[in-house]
C-alpha atoms as a PDB file:
ATOM      1  CA  MET A   1     -60.817 -32.323  33.992  1.00  0.00           C
ATOM      2  CA  VAL A   2     -58.491 -31.462  37.162  1.00  0.00           C
ATOM      3  CA  LYS A   3     -60.010 -29.472  39.658  1.00  0.00           C
ATOM      4  CA  ALA A   4     -57.933 -26.068  40.302  1.00  0.00           C
ATOM      5  CA  ILE A   5     -58.632 -24.180  43.479  1.00  0.00           C
ATOM      6  CA  LYS A   6     -60.845 -20.542  41.866  1.00  0.00           C
ATOM      7  CA  THR A   7     -58.379 -17.606  41.359  1.00  0.00           C
ATOM      8  CA  LYS A   8     -59.180 -14.638  43.729  1.00  0.00           C
ATOM      9  CA  LYS A   9     -60.727 -12.839  40.284  1.00  0.00           C
ATOM     10  CA  ASP A  10     -62.649 -15.344  39.526  1.00  0.00           C
ATOM     11  CA  ARG A  11     -64.390 -15.429  42.984  1.00  0.00           C
ATOM     12  CA  LEU A  12     -64.578 -11.642  42.623  1.00  0.00           C
ATOM     13  CA  SER A  13     -66.410 -11.716  39.459  1.00  0.00           C
ATOM     14  CA  GLU A  14     -68.701 -14.451  40.485  1.00  0.00           C
ATOM     15  CA  GLY A  15     -69.614 -12.774  43.805  1.00  0.00           C
ATOM     16  CA  ILE A  16     -70.246  -9.540  41.603  1.00  0.00           C
ATOM     17  CA  ASN A  17     -72.239 -10.962  39.840  1.00  0.00           C
ATOM     18  CA  ILE A  18     -74.544 -12.669  42.568  1.00  0.00           C
ATOM     19  CA  LEU A  19     -74.886  -9.284  44.146  1.00  0.00           C
ATOM     20  CA  LYS A  20     -75.983  -7.694  41.003  1.00  0.00           C
ATOM     21  CA  GLN A  21     -78.513 -10.017  39.875  1.00  0.00           C
ATOM     22  CA  LEU A  22     -79.893  -9.720  43.864  1.00  0.00           C
ATOM     23  CA  ARG A  23     -79.996  -5.795  42.957  1.00  0.00           C
ATOM     24  CA  ASP A  24     -81.498  -6.135  39.669  1.00  0.00           C
ATOM     25  CA  ASN A  25     -84.294  -7.977  41.153  1.00  0.00           C
ATOM     26  CA  GLY A  26     -85.056  -5.662  43.075  1.00  0.00           C
ATOM     27  CA  VAL A  27     -83.288  -6.477  46.504  1.00  0.00           C
ATOM     28  CA  LYS A  28     -82.542  -3.196  48.148  1.00  0.00           C
ATOM     29  CA  ASP A  29     -78.092  -3.151  48.837  1.00  0.00           C
ATOM     30  CA  GLN A  30     -78.812  -1.896  52.608  1.00  0.00           C
ATOM     31  CA  SER A  31     -81.030  -4.913  53.568  1.00  0.00           C
ATOM     32  CA  PRO A  32     -79.973  -7.045  56.383  1.00  0.00           C
ATOM     33  CA  GLY A  33     -79.721 -10.166  54.381  1.00  0.00           C
ATOM     34  CA  PHE A  34     -77.793  -8.229  51.327  1.00  0.00           C
ATOM     35  CA  LEU A  35     -75.296  -6.936  53.866  1.00  0.00           C
ATOM     36  CA  GLU A  36     -74.860 -10.545  55.414  1.00  0.00           C
ATOM     37  CA  LEU A  37     -74.629 -12.152  51.956  1.00  0.00           C
ATOM     38  CA  LYS A  38     -71.767  -9.295  50.654  1.00  0.00           C
ATOM     39  CA  ALA A  39     -69.773  -9.625  54.151  1.00  0.00           C
ATOM     40  CA  LYS A  40     -69.626 -13.803  53.300  1.00  0.00           C
ATOM     41  CA  ILE A  41     -68.695 -13.148  49.376  1.00  0.00           C
ATOM     42  CA  SER A  42     -66.178 -10.621  50.721  1.00  0.00           C
ATOM     43  CA  GLU A  43     -64.432 -13.615  53.044  1.00  0.00           C
ATOM     44  CA  TRP A  44     -64.930 -15.887  50.436  1.00  0.00           C
ATOM     45  CA  VAL A  45     -62.994 -13.925  47.856  1.00  0.00           C
ATOM     46  CA  SER A  46     -60.345 -13.424  50.115  1.00  0.00           C
ATOM     47  CA  SER A  47     -59.565 -17.061  51.281  1.00  0.00           C
ATOM     48  CA  GLU A  48     -59.316 -20.179  49.302  1.00  0.00           C
ATOM     49  CA  GLY A  49     -62.005 -21.684  51.029  1.00  0.00           C
ATOM     50  CA  SER A  50     -65.760 -22.846  49.979  1.00  0.00           C
ATOM     51  CA  TRP A  51     -68.593 -21.632  52.463  1.00  0.00           C
ATOM     52  CA  ASP A  52     -72.505 -23.035  51.703  1.00  0.00           C
ATOM     53  CA  GLY A  53     -75.388 -21.598  53.808  1.00  0.00           C
ATOM     54  CA  ASN A  54     -78.715 -19.927  54.347  1.00  0.00           C
ATOM     55  CA  ILE A  55     -78.751 -16.221  54.278  1.00  0.00           C
ATOM     56  CA  ASP A  56     -82.437 -14.928  55.640  1.00  0.00           C
ATOM     57  CA  PHE A  57     -83.939 -12.500  53.559  1.00  0.00           C
ATOM     58  CA  ARG A  58     -86.906 -11.889  56.466  1.00  0.00           C
ATOM     59  CA  GLU A  59     -88.148  -8.593  54.726  1.00  0.00           C
ATOM     60  CA  TYR A  60     -88.980 -10.050  51.175  1.00  0.00           C
ATOM     61  CA  GLY A  61     -90.029 -13.187  52.797  1.00  0.00           C
ATOM     62  CA  ARG A  62     -87.316 -15.451  51.351  1.00  0.00           C
ATOM     63  CA  VAL A  63     -84.119 -17.129  52.243  1.00  0.00           C
ATOM     64  CA  ALA A  64     -81.131 -17.367  50.024  1.00  0.00           C
ATOM     65  CA  GLU A  65     -79.211 -20.824  49.402  1.00  0.00           C
ATOM     66  CA  VAL A  66     -75.617 -20.125  48.672  1.00  0.00           C
ATOM     67  CA  GLU A  67     -72.778 -22.080  47.631  1.00  0.00           C
ATOM     68  CA  LEU A  68     -69.585 -20.405  47.134  1.00  0.00           C
ATOM     69  CA  PRO A  69     -67.033 -23.205  46.218  1.00  0.00           C
ATOM     70  CA  LYS A  70     -63.611 -23.672  46.353  1.00  0.00           C
ATOM     71  CA  TYR A  71     -62.656 -25.247  42.948  1.00  0.00           C
ATOM     72  CA  ASP A  72     -62.823 -23.985  39.476  1.00  0.00           C
ATOM     73  CA  ASN A  73     -65.264 -26.845  38.414  1.00  0.00           C
ATOM     74  CA  LYS A  74     -68.255 -25.279  39.512  1.00  0.00           C
ATOM     75  CA  ALA A  75     -69.415 -21.894  39.466  1.00  0.00           C
ATOM     76  CA  ALA A  76     -71.075 -20.088  42.776  1.00  0.00           C
ATOM     77  CA  GLY A  77     -74.716 -19.983  43.245  1.00  0.00           C
ATOM     78  CA  LEU A  78     -77.580 -18.642  45.107  1.00  0.00           C
ATOM     79  CA  ASN A  79     -81.132 -19.851  45.277  1.00  0.00           C
ATOM     80  CA  PHE A  80     -83.768 -17.238  46.353  1.00  0.00           C
ATOM     81  CA  LYS A  81     -86.467 -19.356  48.122  1.00  0.00           C
ATOM     82  CA  VAL A  82     -89.812 -18.509  49.283  1.00  0.00           C
ATOM     83  CA  LYS A  83     -89.972 -19.210  52.762  1.00  0.00           C
ATOM     84  CA  LYS A  84     -92.650 -21.722  53.909  1.00  0.00           C
ATOM     85  CA  VAL A  85     -94.860 -20.370  56.690  1.00  0.00           C
ATOM     86  CA  PHE A  86     -96.610 -23.231  58.479  1.00  0.00           C
END
């Protein structure tokens, strides 16, 4: 399979799906973490690049490990992990 750069349509669809899943699981769309993620997804949809990183959802005691890939051989993903407190 040949890797191709994701289309803007694919990026938009995957980004909307991630945000919808967070809302469906109780994350408020005006929370700081949600707004930061939304901004990162918007940048990703507009570009032809990729972005991987963590976004803090402090009010939920969680961190989102986000992967927004450049190529169509991998879907965008988010792991919503509980923060370890020591």
